[in-house]
PDB file of N, CA and C in Angstrom:
ATOM      1  N   MET A   1     103.758 116.464  78.973  1.00  0.00           N
ATOM      2  CA  MET A   1     102.666 116.434  79.956  1.00  0.00           C
ATOM      3  C   MET A   1     102.160 114.998  80.220  1.00  0.00           C
ATOM      4  N   VAL A   2     102.021 114.593  81.468  1.00  0.00           N
ATOM      5  CA  VAL A   2     101.621 113.335  81.890  1.00  0.00           C
ATOM      6  C   VAL A   2     100.353 113.408  82.771  1.00  0.00           C
ATOM      7  N   ASP A   3      99.367 112.747  82.240  1.00  0.00           N
ATOM      8  CA  ASP A   3      98.075 112.634  83.073  1.00  0.00           C
ATOM      9  C   ASP A   3      98.031 111.309  83.772  1.00  0.00           C
ATOM     10  N   GLN A   4      97.683 111.321  84.993  1.00  0.00           N
ATOM     11  CA  GLN A   4      97.540 110.108  85.781  1.00  0.00           C
ATOM     12  C   GLN A   4      96.110 109.920  86.150  1.00  0.00           C
ATOM     13  N   MET A   5      95.505 108.739  85.729  1.00  0.00           N
ATOM     14  CA  MET A   5      94.113 108.533  86.138  1.00  0.00           C
ATOM     15  C   MET A   5      94.190 107.517  87.316  1.00  0.00           C
ATOM     16  N   ARG A   6      93.506 107.916  88.398  1.00  0.00           N
ATOM     17  CA  ARG A   6      93.394 107.092  89.618  1.00  0.00           C
ATOM     18  C   ARG A   6      91.902 106.684  89.820  1.00  0.00           C
ATOM     19  N   THR A   7      91.711 105.381  90.186  1.00  0.00           N
ATOM     20  CA  THR A   7      90.389 104.839  90.367  1.00  0.00           C
ATOM     21  C   THR A   7      90.330 104.264  91.769  1.00  0.00           C
ATOM     22  N   TYR A   8      89.463 104.756  92.505  1.00  0.00           N
ATOM     23  CA  TYR A   8      89.280 104.351  93.936  1.00  0.00           C
ATOM     24  C   TYR A   8      87.856 103.660  94.064  1.00  0.00           C
ATOM     25  N   THR A   9      87.800 102.446  94.651  1.00  0.00           N
ATOM     26  CA  THR A   9      86.493 101.891  94.949  1.00  0.00           C
ATOM     27  C   THR A   9      86.198 102.258  96.383  1.00  0.00           C
ATOM     28  N   ILE A  10      85.092 102.969  96.497  1.00  0.00           N
ATOM     29  CA  ILE A  10      84.668 103.532  97.780  1.00  0.00           C
ATOM     30  C   ILE A  10      83.648 102.564  98.398  1.00  0.00           C
ATOM     31  N   ASN A  11      83.782 102.455  99.758  1.00  0.00           N
ATOM     32  CA  ASN A  11      82.786 101.643 100.498  1.00  0.00           C
ATOM     33  C   ASN A  11      81.437 102.141 100.310  1.00  0.00           C
ATOM     34  N   LYS A  12      80.448 101.214 100.270  1.00  0.00           N
ATOM     35  CA  LYS A  12      79.007 101.497 100.128  1.00  0.00           C
ATOM     36  C   LYS A  12      78.654 102.496 101.098  1.00  0.00           C
ATOM     37  N   GLY A  13      77.833 103.539 100.720  1.00  0.00           N
ATOM     38  CA  GLY A  13      77.332 104.482 101.620  1.00  0.00           C
ATOM     39  C   GLY A  13      78.315 105.611 102.077  1.00  0.00           C
ATOM     40  N   MET A  14      79.531 105.589 101.439  1.00  0.00           N
ATOM     41  CA  MET A  14      80.607 106.537 101.829  1.00  0.00           C
ATOM     42  C   MET A  14      80.947 107.530 100.750  1.00  0.00           C
ATOM     43  N   MET A  15      80.319 107.414  99.550  1.00  0.00           N
ATOM     44  CA  MET A  15      80.752 108.216  98.457  1.00  0.00           C
ATOM     45  C   MET A  15      80.559 109.610  98.712  1.00  0.00           C
ATOM     46  N   GLU A  16      79.492 110.120  99.371  1.00  0.00           N
ATOM     47  CA  GLU A  16      79.119 111.479  99.642  1.00  0.00           C
ATOM     48  C   GLU A  16      80.239 112.029 100.484  1.00  0.00           C
ATOM     49  N   SER A  17      80.633 111.365 101.549  1.00  0.00           N
ATOM     50  CA  SER A  17      81.724 111.869 102.378  1.00  0.00           C
ATOM     51  C   SER A  17      83.038 111.790 101.748  1.00  0.00           C
ATOM     52  N   TRP A  18      83.328 110.895 100.854  1.00  0.00           N
ATOM     53  CA  TRP A  18      84.543 110.825 100.132  1.00  0.00           C
ATOM     54  C   TRP A  18      84.581 112.001  99.204  1.00  0.00           C
ATOM     55  N   GLN A  19      83.557 112.390  98.483  1.00  0.00           N
ATOM     56  CA  GLN A  19      83.631 113.481  97.571  1.00  0.00           C
ATOM     57  C   GLN A  19      83.868 114.805  98.330  1.00  0.00           C
ATOM     58  N   LYS A  20      83.315 114.894  99.536  1.00  0.00           N
ATOM     59  CA  LYS A  20      83.515 116.094 100.325  1.00  0.00           C
ATOM     60  C   LYS A  20      85.002 116.195 100.645  1.00  0.00           C
ATOM     61  N   LEU A  21      85.603 115.056 101.194  1.00  0.00           N
ATOM     62  CA  LEU A  21      86.975 115.091 101.496  1.00  0.00           C
ATOM     63  C   LEU A  21      87.871 115.387 100.263  1.00  0.00           C
ATOM     64  N   PHE A  22      87.492 114.907  99.082  1.00  0.00           N
ATOM     65  CA  PHE A  22      88.214 115.179  97.841  1.00  0.00           C
ATOM     66  C   PHE A  22      88.174 116.640  97.614  1.00  0.00           C
ATOM     67  N   GLU A  23      86.979 117.214  97.542  1.00  0.00           N
ATOM     68  CA  GLU A  23      86.818 118.632  97.208  1.00  0.00           C
ATOM     69  C   GLU A  23      87.370 119.615  98.227  1.00  0.00           C
ATOM     70  N   THR A  24      87.379 119.223  99.466  1.00  0.00           N
ATOM     71  CA  THR A  24      87.877 120.262 100.456  1.00  0.00           C
ATOM     72  C   THR A  24      89.330 119.971 100.949  1.00  0.00           C
ATOM     73  N   GLY A  25      89.883 118.783 100.642  1.00  0.00           N
ATOM     74  CA  GLY A  25      91.159 118.443 101.153  1.00  0.00           C
ATOM     75  C   GLY A  25      92.140 117.940 100.172  1.00  0.00           C
ATOM     76  N   ILE A  26      91.778 116.902  99.467  1.00  0.00           N
ATOM     77  CA  ILE A  26      92.672 116.223  98.547  1.00  0.00           C
ATOM     78  C   ILE A  26      93.006 117.139  97.294  1.00  0.00           C
ATOM     79  N   LYS A  27      91.920 117.585  96.643  1.00  0.00           N
ATOM     80  CA  LYS A  27      92.151 118.377  95.374  1.00  0.00           C
ATOM     81  C   LYS A  27      92.858 119.697  95.792  1.00  0.00           C
ATOM     82  N   PRO A  28      92.437 120.487  96.720  1.00  0.00           N
ATOM     83  CA  PRO A  28      93.191 121.758  97.035  1.00  0.00           C
ATOM     84  C   PRO A  28      94.657 121.486  97.466  1.00  0.00           C
ATOM     85  N   ALA A  29      94.956 120.437  98.183  1.00  0.00           N
ATOM     86  CA  ALA A  29      96.303 120.014  98.561  1.00  0.00           C
ATOM     87  C   ALA A  29      97.149 119.763  97.358  1.00  0.00           C
ATOM     88  N   HIS A  30      96.609 119.124  96.343  1.00  0.00           N
ATOM     89  CA  HIS A  30      97.367 118.825  95.096  1.00  0.00           C
ATOM     90  C   HIS A  30      97.609 120.085  94.286  1.00  0.00           C
ATOM     91  N   GLU A  31      96.525 120.887  94.207  1.00  0.00           N
ATOM     92  CA  GLU A  31      96.663 122.089  93.369  1.00  0.00           C
ATOM     93  C   GLU A  31      97.604 123.094  94.018  1.00  0.00           C
ATOM     94  N   ALA A  32      97.700 123.131  95.316  1.00  0.00           N
ATOM     95  CA  ALA A  32      98.533 124.081  95.999  1.00  0.00           C
ATOM     96  C   ALA A  32     100.048 123.708  95.659  1.00  0.00           C
ATOM     97  N   LEU A  33     100.341 122.535  95.324  1.00  0.00           N
ATOM     98  CA  LEU A  33     101.686 122.084  94.956  1.00  0.00           C
ATOM     99  C   LEU A  33     101.930 122.099  93.471  1.00  0.00           C
ATOM    100  N   GLY A  34     101.008 122.616  92.748  1.00  0.00           N
ATOM    101  CA  GLY A  34     101.152 122.589  91.227  1.00  0.00           C
ATOM    102  C   GLY A  34     100.842 121.323  90.577  1.00  0.00           C
ATOM    103  N   ILE A  35      99.996 120.601  91.183  1.00  0.00           N
ATOM    104  CA  ILE A  35      99.471 119.224  90.640  1.00  0.00           C
ATOM    105  C   ILE A  35      98.026 119.489  90.323  1.00  0.00           C
ATOM    106  N   PRO A  36      97.619 120.007  89.084  1.00  0.00           N
ATOM    107  CA  PRO A  36      96.239 120.191  88.782  1.00  0.00           C
ATOM    108  C   PRO A  36      95.392 118.992  88.718  1.00  0.00           C
ATOM    109  N   VAL A  37      94.269 118.959  89.267  1.00  0.00           N
ATOM    110  CA  VAL A  37      93.267 117.937  89.069  1.00  0.00           C
ATOM    111  C   VAL A  37      92.368 118.313  87.824  1.00  0.00           C
ATOM    112  N   VAL A  38      92.451 117.596  86.805  1.00  0.00           N
ATOM    113  CA  VAL A  38      91.947 117.999  85.502  1.00  0.00           C
ATOM    114  C   VAL A  38      90.526 117.432  85.260  1.00  0.00           C
ATOM    115  N   ALA A  39      90.179 116.389  86.031  1.00  0.00           N
ATOM    116  CA  ALA A  39      88.868 115.747  85.886  1.00  0.00           C
ATOM    117  C   ALA A  39      88.572 114.935  87.066  1.00  0.00           C
ATOM    118  N   HIS A  40      87.341 114.676  87.420  1.00  0.00           N
ATOM    119  CA  HIS A  40      86.833 113.709  88.372  1.00  0.00           C
ATOM    120  C   HIS A  40      85.394 113.376  88.162  1.00  0.00           C
ATOM    121  N   TRP A  41      85.084 112.169  88.378  1.00  0.00           N
ATOM    122  CA  TRP A  41      83.766 111.721  88.255  1.00  0.00           C
ATOM    123  C   TRP A  41      83.470 110.429  89.082  1.00  0.00           C
ATOM    124  N   VAL A  42      82.262 110.067  89.108  1.00  0.00           N
ATOM    125  CA  VAL A  42      81.770 108.832  89.873  1.00  0.00           C
ATOM    126  C   VAL A  42      81.243 107.885  88.863  1.00  0.00           C
ATOM    127  N   ASN A  43      81.632 106.596  89.024  1.00  0.00           N
ATOM    128  CA  ASN A  43      81.040 105.473  88.330  1.00  0.00           C
ATOM    129  C   ASN A  43      80.167 104.846  89.374  1.00  0.00           C
ATOM    130  N   ALA A  44      78.907 105.186  89.433  1.00  0.00           N
ATOM    131  CA  ALA A  44      77.976 104.852  90.454  1.00  0.00           C
ATOM    132  C   ALA A  44      77.673 103.291  90.456  1.00  0.00           C
ATOM    133  N   ASP A  45      77.706 102.674  89.208  1.00  0.00           N
ATOM    134  CA  ASP A  45      77.378 101.218  89.083  1.00  0.00           C
ATOM    135  C   ASP A  45      78.441 100.451  89.885  1.00  0.00           C
ATOM    136  N   HIS A  46      79.696 100.873  89.915  1.00  0.00           N
ATOM    137  CA  HIS A  46      80.724 100.143  90.580  1.00  0.00           C
ATOM    138  C   HIS A  46      81.276 100.807  91.787  1.00  0.00           C
ATOM    139  N   ASN A  47      80.569 101.811  92.231  1.00  0.00           N
ATOM    140  CA  ASN A  47      80.953 102.570  93.489  1.00  0.00           C
ATOM    141  C   ASN A  47      82.407 103.013  93.384  1.00  0.00           C
ATOM    142  N   GLN A  48      82.764 103.598  92.291  1.00  0.00           N
ATOM    143  CA  GLN A  48      84.123 104.056  92.057  1.00  0.00           C
ATOM    144  C   GLN A  48      84.184 105.598  91.905  1.00  0.00           C
ATOM    145  N   PHE A  49      85.261 106.124  92.392  1.00  0.00           N
ATOM    146  CA  PHE A  49      85.613 107.619  92.226  1.00  0.00           C
ATOM    147  C   PHE A  49      86.858 107.505  91.303  1.00  0.00           C
ATOM    148  N   ILE A  50      86.781 108.296  90.214  1.00  0.00           N
ATOM    149  CA  ILE A  50      87.870 108.344  89.207  1.00  0.00           C
ATOM    150  C   ILE A  50      88.348 109.761  89.193  1.00  0.00           C
ATOM    151  N   TRP A  51      89.581 109.972  89.159  1.00  0.00           N
ATOM    152  CA  TRP A  51      90.144 111.314  89.016  1.00  0.00           C
ATOM    153  C   TRP A  51      91.384 111.337  88.246  1.00  0.00           C
ATOM    154  N   VAL A  52      91.667 112.441  87.592  1.00  0.00           N
ATOM    155  CA  VAL A  52      92.970 112.630  86.780  1.00  0.00           C
ATOM    156  C   VAL A  52      93.668 113.841  87.247  1.00  0.00           C
ATOM    157  N   ARG A  53      94.998 113.612  87.553  1.00  0.00           N
ATOM    158  CA  ARG A  53      95.899 114.645  87.951  1.00  0.00           C
ATOM    159  C   ARG A  53      96.991 114.845  86.875  1.00  0.00           C
ATOM    160  N   ARG A  54      97.495 115.953  86.708  1.00  0.00           N
ATOM    161  CA  ARG A  54      98.412 116.259  85.567  1.00  0.00           C
ATOM    162  C   ARG A  54      99.866 116.688  86.110  1.00  0.00           C
ATOM    163  N   PHE A  55     100.884 116.103  85.495  1.00  0.00           N
ATOM    164  CA  PHE A  55     102.297 116.531  85.772  1.00  0.00           C
ATOM    165  C   PHE A  55     102.890 117.110  84.511  1.00  0.00           C
ATOM    166  N   ALA A  56     103.960 117.801  84.697  1.00  0.00           N
ATOM    167  CA  ALA A  56     104.651 118.377  83.597  1.00  0.00           C
ATOM    168  C   ALA A  56     105.199 117.369  82.631  1.00  0.00           C
ATOM    169  N   ASP A  57     105.822 116.336  83.259  1.00  0.00           N
ATOM    170  CA  ASP A  57     106.468 115.264  82.495  1.00  0.00           C
ATOM    171  C   ASP A  57     106.719 114.112  83.386  1.00  0.00           C
ATOM    172  N   GLY A  58     107.300 113.028  82.867  1.00  0.00           N
ATOM    173  CA  GLY A  58     107.526 111.807  83.606  1.00  0.00           C
ATOM    174  C   GLY A  58     108.501 112.008  84.791  1.00  0.00           C
ATOM    175  N   ILE A  59     109.517 112.893  84.608  1.00  0.00           N
ATOM    176  CA  ILE A  59     110.374 113.201  85.623  1.00  0.00           C
ATOM    177  C   ILE A  59     109.728 113.955  86.859  1.00  0.00           C
ATOM    178  N   ASP A  60     108.721 114.715  86.503  1.00  0.00           N
ATOM    179  CA  ASP A  60     107.945 115.553  87.498  1.00  0.00           C
ATOM    180  C   ASP A  60     107.130 114.664  88.452  1.00  0.00           C
ATOM    181  N   VAL A  61     106.710 113.515  87.938  1.00  0.00           N
ATOM    182  CA  VAL A  61     105.798 112.667  88.761  1.00  0.00           C
ATOM    183  C   VAL A  61     106.371 112.330  90.125  1.00  0.00           C
ATOM    184  N   PRO A  62     107.516 111.612  90.249  1.00  0.00           N
ATOM    185  CA  PRO A  62     108.002 111.187  91.508  1.00  0.00           C
ATOM    186  C   PRO A  62     108.354 112.361  92.448  1.00  0.00           C
ATOM    187  N   ALA A  63     108.926 113.473  91.845  1.00  0.00           N
ATOM    188  CA  ALA A  63     109.247 114.582  92.610  1.00  0.00           C
ATOM    189  C   ALA A  63     107.968 115.316  93.224  1.00  0.00           C
ATOM    190  N   LYS A  64     106.911 115.402  92.444  1.00  0.00           N
ATOM    191  CA  LYS A  64     105.712 116.028  92.910  1.00  0.00           C
ATOM    192  C   LYS A  64     104.952 115.071  93.951  1.00  0.00           C
ATOM    193  N   GLU A  65     105.047 113.766  93.669  1.00  0.00           N
ATOM    194  CA  GLU A  65     104.394 112.885  94.617  1.00  0.00           C
ATOM    195  C   GLU A  65     105.059 112.878  95.974  1.00  0.00           C
ATOM    196  N   ASP A  66     106.391 112.976  95.972  1.00  0.00           N
ATOM    197  CA  ASP A  66     107.184 113.139  97.176  1.00  0.00           C
ATOM    198  C   ASP A  66     106.851 114.386  97.865  1.00  0.00           C
ATOM    199  N   GLU A  67     106.769 115.472  97.113  1.00  0.00           N
ATOM    200  CA  GLU A  67     106.430 116.719  97.719  1.00  0.00           C
ATOM    201  C   GLU A  67     105.063 116.693  98.353  1.00  0.00           C
ATOM    202  N   PHE A  68     104.082 115.977  97.649  1.00  0.00           N
ATOM    203  CA  PHE A  68     102.766 115.952  98.232  1.00  0.00           C
ATOM    204  C   PHE A  68     102.778 115.061  99.542  1.00  0.00           C
ATOM    205  N   ARG A  69     103.436 113.960  99.531  1.00  0.00           N
ATOM    206  CA  ARG A  69     103.448 113.074 100.729  1.00  0.00           C
ATOM    207  C   ARG A  69     104.077 113.764 101.932  1.00  0.00           C
ATOM    208  N   ASN A  70     104.969 114.722 101.739  1.00  0.00           N
ATOM    209  CA  ASN A  70     105.598 115.464 102.798  1.00  0.00           C
ATOM    210  C   ASN A  70     105.001 116.844 103.121  1.00  0.00           C
ATOM    211  N   SER A  71     103.816 117.043 102.504  1.00  0.00           N
ATOM    212  CA  SER A  71     103.141 118.366 102.685  1.00  0.00           C
ATOM    213  C   SER A  71     102.208 118.300 103.854  1.00  0.00           C
ATOM    214  N   PRO A  72     101.863 119.462 104.416  1.00  0.00           N
ATOM    215  CA  PRO A  72     100.849 119.602 105.462  1.00  0.00           C
ATOM    216  C   PRO A  72      99.523 119.078 104.953  1.00  0.00           C
ATOM    217  N   GLY A  73      99.208 119.314 103.661  1.00  0.00           N
ATOM    218  CA  GLY A  73      97.979 118.849 103.095  1.00  0.00           C
ATOM    219  C   GLY A  73      97.746 117.449 103.163  1.00  0.00           C
ATOM    220  N   PHE A  74      98.810 116.658 102.924  1.00  0.00           N
ATOM    221  CA  PHE A  74      98.769 115.210 102.966  1.00  0.00           C
ATOM    222  C   PHE A  74      98.517 114.722 104.427  1.00  0.00           C
ATOM    223  N   LYS A  75      99.223 115.488 105.314  1.00  0.00           N
ATOM    224  CA  LYS A  75      99.060 115.002 106.735  1.00  0.00           C
ATOM    225  C   LYS A  75      97.623 115.217 107.179  1.00  0.00           C
ATOM    226  N   VAL A  76      97.008 116.209 106.697  1.00  0.00           N
ATOM    227  CA  VAL A  76      95.606 116.548 107.042  1.00  0.00           C
ATOM    228  C   VAL A  76      94.593 115.494 106.571  1.00  0.00           C
ATOM    229  N   VAL A  77      94.813 115.082 105.343  1.00  0.00           N
ATOM    230  CA  VAL A  77      93.872 114.065 104.697  1.00  0.00           C
ATOM    231  C   VAL A  77      94.347 112.723 104.791  1.00  0.00           C
ATOM    232  N   GLY A  78      95.640 112.558 105.121  1.00  0.00           N
ATOM    233  CA  GLY A  78      96.317 111.324 105.206  1.00  0.00           C
ATOM    234  C   GLY A  78      95.661 110.209 105.646  1.00  0.00           C
TER     235      GLY A  78
END
């Protein structure tokens, strides 16, 4: 199992809209392809959104990332 932690710095005043996009677009698009999102949180002091997605193993990472980039879900939130 491989967990990948991603940290995004969000523009000031945009965190609420980013979280909505994440919950309604990014997270479901990942999970539809078998990439579970196992955690997400906000570091308000640094205006950061941190999330963790899980892959079966290291070989699974590039294959699933390619699958996501070519999915309709990616094109919607792209």
